[in-house]
């Protein structure tokens, strides 16, 4: 496990209030597929790149739907 896991000083965490874009940037920049979500020094969740991409696609779809609805009223 030691050979394939990110070393502890390299561990990246996020807060519940961090944006999906921030999570995506950290994951892409650091080449990690999972991010622990911490609050008050406690682990409260874990998100994967799949979670982030899914959420991001949902947000983009909502924006497209809103714009389409506005244009075709």
N, C-alpha and C. Protein backbone atom coordinates (compact mmCIF):
# COMPACT_ATOMS: atom_id res chain seq x y z
N UNK A 1 0.84 -1.19 0.00
CA UNK A 1 0.00 0.00 0.00
C UNK A 1 0.88 1.25 0.00
N UNK A 2 1.94 1.23 0.76
CA UNK A 2 2.85 2.37 0.87
C UNK A 2 3.37 2.79 -0.51
N UNK A 3 3.58 1.83 -1.40
CA UNK A 3 4.13 2.12 -2.72
C UNK A 3 3.15 2.83 -3.65
N UNK A 4 1.85 2.67 -3.45
CA UNK A 4 0.89 3.25 -4.39
C UNK A 4 0.04 4.38 -3.81
N UNK A 5 0.03 4.57 -2.50
CA UNK A 5 -0.78 5.61 -1.88
C UNK A 5 -0.04 6.95 -1.87
N UNK A 6 -0.81 8.03 -1.86
CA UNK A 6 -0.24 9.37 -1.73
C UNK A 6 0.38 9.49 -0.33
N UNK A 7 1.62 9.98 -0.24
CA UNK A 7 2.22 10.14 1.09
C UNK A 7 1.44 11.16 1.92
N UNK A 8 1.44 11.00 3.24
CA UNK A 8 0.64 11.86 4.13
C UNK A 8 0.84 13.35 3.89
N UNK A 9 2.08 13.87 3.79
CA UNK A 9 2.20 15.32 3.54
C UNK A 9 1.56 15.73 2.21
N UNK A 10 1.39 14.79 1.29
CA UNK A 10 0.79 15.10 0.01
C UNK A 10 -0.72 14.95 0.00
N UNK A 11 -1.30 14.59 1.15
CA UNK A 11 -2.74 14.39 1.22
C UNK A 11 -3.47 15.71 1.05
N UNK A 12 -4.41 15.73 0.13
CA UNK A 12 -5.20 16.94 -0.14
C UNK A 12 -6.61 16.70 0.40
N UNK A 13 -7.13 17.68 1.11
CA UNK A 13 -8.48 17.59 1.65
C UNK A 13 -9.26 18.82 1.24
N UNK A 14 -10.57 18.72 1.33
CA UNK A 14 -11.44 19.84 1.00
C UNK A 14 -12.41 20.05 2.16
N UNK A 15 -13.07 21.19 2.15
CA UNK A 15 -14.08 21.55 3.13
C UNK A 15 -15.46 21.46 2.47
N UNK A 16 -16.51 21.28 3.25
CA UNK A 16 -17.86 21.19 2.66
C UNK A 16 -18.24 22.41 1.83
N UNK A 17 -17.73 23.57 2.17
CA UNK A 17 -18.09 24.79 1.46
C UNK A 17 -17.28 25.02 0.18
N UNK A 18 -16.28 24.18 -0.09
CA UNK A 18 -15.48 24.33 -1.32
C UNK A 18 -16.33 24.03 -2.54
N UNK A 19 -16.07 24.74 -3.61
CA UNK A 19 -16.85 24.57 -4.84
C UNK A 19 -16.44 23.29 -5.58
N UNK A 20 -17.33 22.86 -6.44
CA UNK A 20 -17.07 21.69 -7.28
C UNK A 20 -15.88 21.99 -8.20
N UNK A 21 -15.78 23.24 -8.66
CA UNK A 21 -14.66 23.65 -9.52
C UNK A 21 -13.34 23.55 -8.77
N UNK A 22 -13.34 23.93 -7.49
CA UNK A 22 -12.12 23.83 -6.67
C UNK A 22 -11.71 22.37 -6.51
N UNK A 23 -12.69 21.52 -6.24
CA UNK A 23 -12.40 20.08 -6.09
C UNK A 23 -11.82 19.53 -7.39
N UNK A 24 -12.44 19.91 -8.51
CA UNK A 24 -11.98 19.43 -9.81
C UNK A 24 -10.54 19.89 -10.08
N UNK A 25 -10.25 21.13 -9.73
CA UNK A 25 -8.89 21.67 -9.93
C UNK A 25 -7.88 20.89 -9.09
N UNK A 26 -8.18 20.68 -7.81
CA UNK A 26 -7.26 19.95 -6.93
C UNK A 26 -7.04 18.53 -7.44
N UNK A 27 -8.11 17.87 -7.84
CA UNK A 27 -7.98 16.49 -8.33
C UNK A 27 -7.16 16.42 -9.61
N UNK A 28 -7.42 17.33 -10.53
CA UNK A 28 -6.70 17.33 -11.81
C UNK A 28 -5.24 17.71 -11.63
N UNK A 29 -5.01 18.78 -10.89
CA UNK A 29 -3.65 19.30 -10.70
C UNK A 29 -2.76 18.30 -9.96
N UNK A 30 -3.35 17.60 -8.98
CA UNK A 30 -2.57 16.67 -8.15
C UNK A 30 -2.70 15.21 -8.56
N UNK A 31 -3.47 14.98 -9.63
CA UNK A 31 -3.66 13.62 -10.15
C UNK A 31 -4.15 12.65 -9.07
N UNK A 32 -5.21 13.09 -8.35
CA UNK A 32 -5.83 12.22 -7.35
C UNK A 32 -7.27 11.94 -7.77
N UNK A 33 -7.77 10.78 -7.41
CA UNK A 33 -9.12 10.36 -7.81
C UNK A 33 -10.13 10.47 -6.68
N UNK A 34 -9.64 10.71 -5.46
CA UNK A 34 -10.53 10.82 -4.30
C UNK A 34 -10.05 11.96 -3.40
N UNK A 35 -11.00 12.64 -2.79
CA UNK A 35 -10.68 13.71 -1.85
C UNK A 35 -11.48 13.52 -0.56
N UNK A 36 -10.77 13.48 0.58
CA UNK A 36 -11.48 13.47 1.85
C UNK A 36 -12.10 14.86 2.09
N UNK A 37 -13.30 14.87 2.65
CA UNK A 37 -13.95 16.12 3.03
C UNK A 37 -13.87 16.21 4.55
N UNK A 38 -13.24 17.29 5.02
CA UNK A 38 -12.99 17.46 6.44
C UNK A 38 -13.77 18.66 6.99
N UNK A 39 -14.21 18.51 8.23
CA UNK A 39 -14.87 19.62 8.92
C UNK A 39 -14.45 19.55 10.39
N UNK A 40 -13.90 20.66 10.87
CA UNK A 40 -13.42 20.73 12.27
C UNK A 40 -12.45 19.59 12.59
N UNK A 41 -11.57 19.27 11.64
CA UNK A 41 -10.58 18.23 11.86
C UNK A 41 -11.10 16.81 11.79
N UNK A 42 -12.37 16.65 11.45
CA UNK A 42 -12.98 15.32 11.36
C UNK A 42 -13.34 15.00 9.92
N UNK A 43 -13.13 13.75 9.53
CA UNK A 43 -13.54 13.27 8.22
C UNK A 43 -15.06 13.14 8.20
N UNK A 44 -15.69 13.84 7.25
CA UNK A 44 -17.16 13.75 7.15
C UNK A 44 -17.61 13.13 5.84
N UNK A 45 -16.67 12.91 4.91
CA UNK A 45 -17.04 12.30 3.65
C UNK A 45 -15.84 12.10 2.75
N UNK A 46 -16.10 11.47 1.63
CA UNK A 46 -15.07 11.21 0.64
C UNK A 46 -15.74 11.33 -0.73
N UNK A 47 -15.16 12.14 -1.61
CA UNK A 47 -15.72 12.26 -2.96
C UNK A 47 -14.74 11.71 -3.98
N UNK A 48 -15.30 11.19 -5.04
CA UNK A 48 -14.47 10.64 -6.12
C UNK A 48 -14.55 11.55 -7.33
N UNK A 49 -13.67 11.34 -8.28
CA UNK A 49 -13.68 12.12 -9.52
C UNK A 49 -15.01 11.90 -10.24
N UNK A 50 -15.58 10.70 -10.13
CA UNK A 50 -16.89 10.44 -10.74
C UNK A 50 -17.98 11.30 -10.13
N UNK A 51 -17.94 11.48 -8.80
CA UNK A 51 -18.90 12.35 -8.12
C UNK A 51 -18.79 13.78 -8.64
N UNK A 52 -17.55 14.25 -8.76
CA UNK A 52 -17.30 15.63 -9.18
C UNK A 52 -17.76 15.84 -10.62
N UNK A 53 -17.41 14.93 -11.50
CA UNK A 53 -17.80 15.06 -12.92
C UNK A 53 -19.32 15.00 -13.05
N UNK A 54 -19.96 14.11 -12.33
CA UNK A 54 -21.41 13.99 -12.37
C UNK A 54 -22.09 15.28 -11.92
N UNK A 55 -21.60 15.84 -10.84
CA UNK A 55 -22.17 17.08 -10.32
C UNK A 55 -21.95 18.22 -11.30
N UNK A 56 -20.75 18.30 -11.85
CA UNK A 56 -20.41 19.36 -12.79
C UNK A 56 -21.29 19.28 -14.05
N UNK A 57 -21.51 18.09 -14.56
CA UNK A 57 -22.37 17.90 -15.73
C UNK A 57 -23.80 18.33 -15.39
N UNK A 58 -24.28 17.99 -14.19
CA UNK A 58 -25.61 18.40 -13.78
C UNK A 58 -25.77 19.92 -13.72
N UNK A 59 -24.76 20.59 -13.19
CA UNK A 59 -24.79 22.07 -13.12
C UNK A 59 -24.80 22.65 -14.52
N UNK A 60 -23.96 22.13 -15.41
CA UNK A 60 -23.91 22.64 -16.78
C UNK A 60 -25.24 22.39 -17.50
N UNK A 61 -25.85 21.25 -17.27
CA UNK A 61 -27.14 20.95 -17.89
C UNK A 61 -28.20 21.95 -17.43
N UNK A 62 -28.21 22.26 -16.13
CA UNK A 62 -29.17 23.24 -15.60
C UNK A 62 -28.97 24.61 -16.25
N UNK A 63 -27.73 25.02 -16.43
CA UNK A 63 -27.44 26.30 -17.06
C UNK A 63 -27.94 26.30 -18.51
N UNK A 64 -27.68 25.23 -19.24
CA UNK A 64 -28.12 25.13 -20.64
C UNK A 64 -29.65 25.14 -20.70
N UNK A 65 -30.31 24.41 -19.82
CA UNK A 65 -31.77 24.39 -19.79
C UNK A 65 -32.34 25.78 -19.51
N UNK A 66 -31.74 26.49 -18.55
CA UNK A 66 -32.20 27.84 -18.23
C UNK A 66 -32.03 28.78 -19.42
N UNK A 67 -30.89 28.70 -20.09
CA UNK A 67 -30.63 29.57 -21.22
C UNK A 67 -31.57 29.24 -22.39
N UNK A 68 -31.80 27.97 -22.63
CA UNK A 68 -32.70 27.53 -23.69
C UNK A 68 -34.12 28.03 -23.42
N UNK A 69 -34.54 27.87 -22.18
CA UNK A 69 -35.87 28.33 -21.77
C UNK A 69 -36.01 29.84 -21.96
N UNK A 70 -34.99 30.59 -21.61
CA UNK A 70 -35.01 32.04 -21.77
C UNK A 70 -35.08 32.44 -23.24
N UNK A 71 -34.32 31.76 -24.08
CA UNK A 71 -34.26 32.12 -25.51
C UNK A 71 -35.53 31.77 -26.26
N UNK A 72 -36.22 30.72 -25.83
CA UNK A 72 -37.38 30.25 -26.60
C UNK A 72 -38.71 30.53 -25.89
N UNK A 73 -38.76 31.58 -25.09
CA UNK A 73 -40.04 31.97 -24.46
C UNK A 73 -40.97 32.56 -25.46
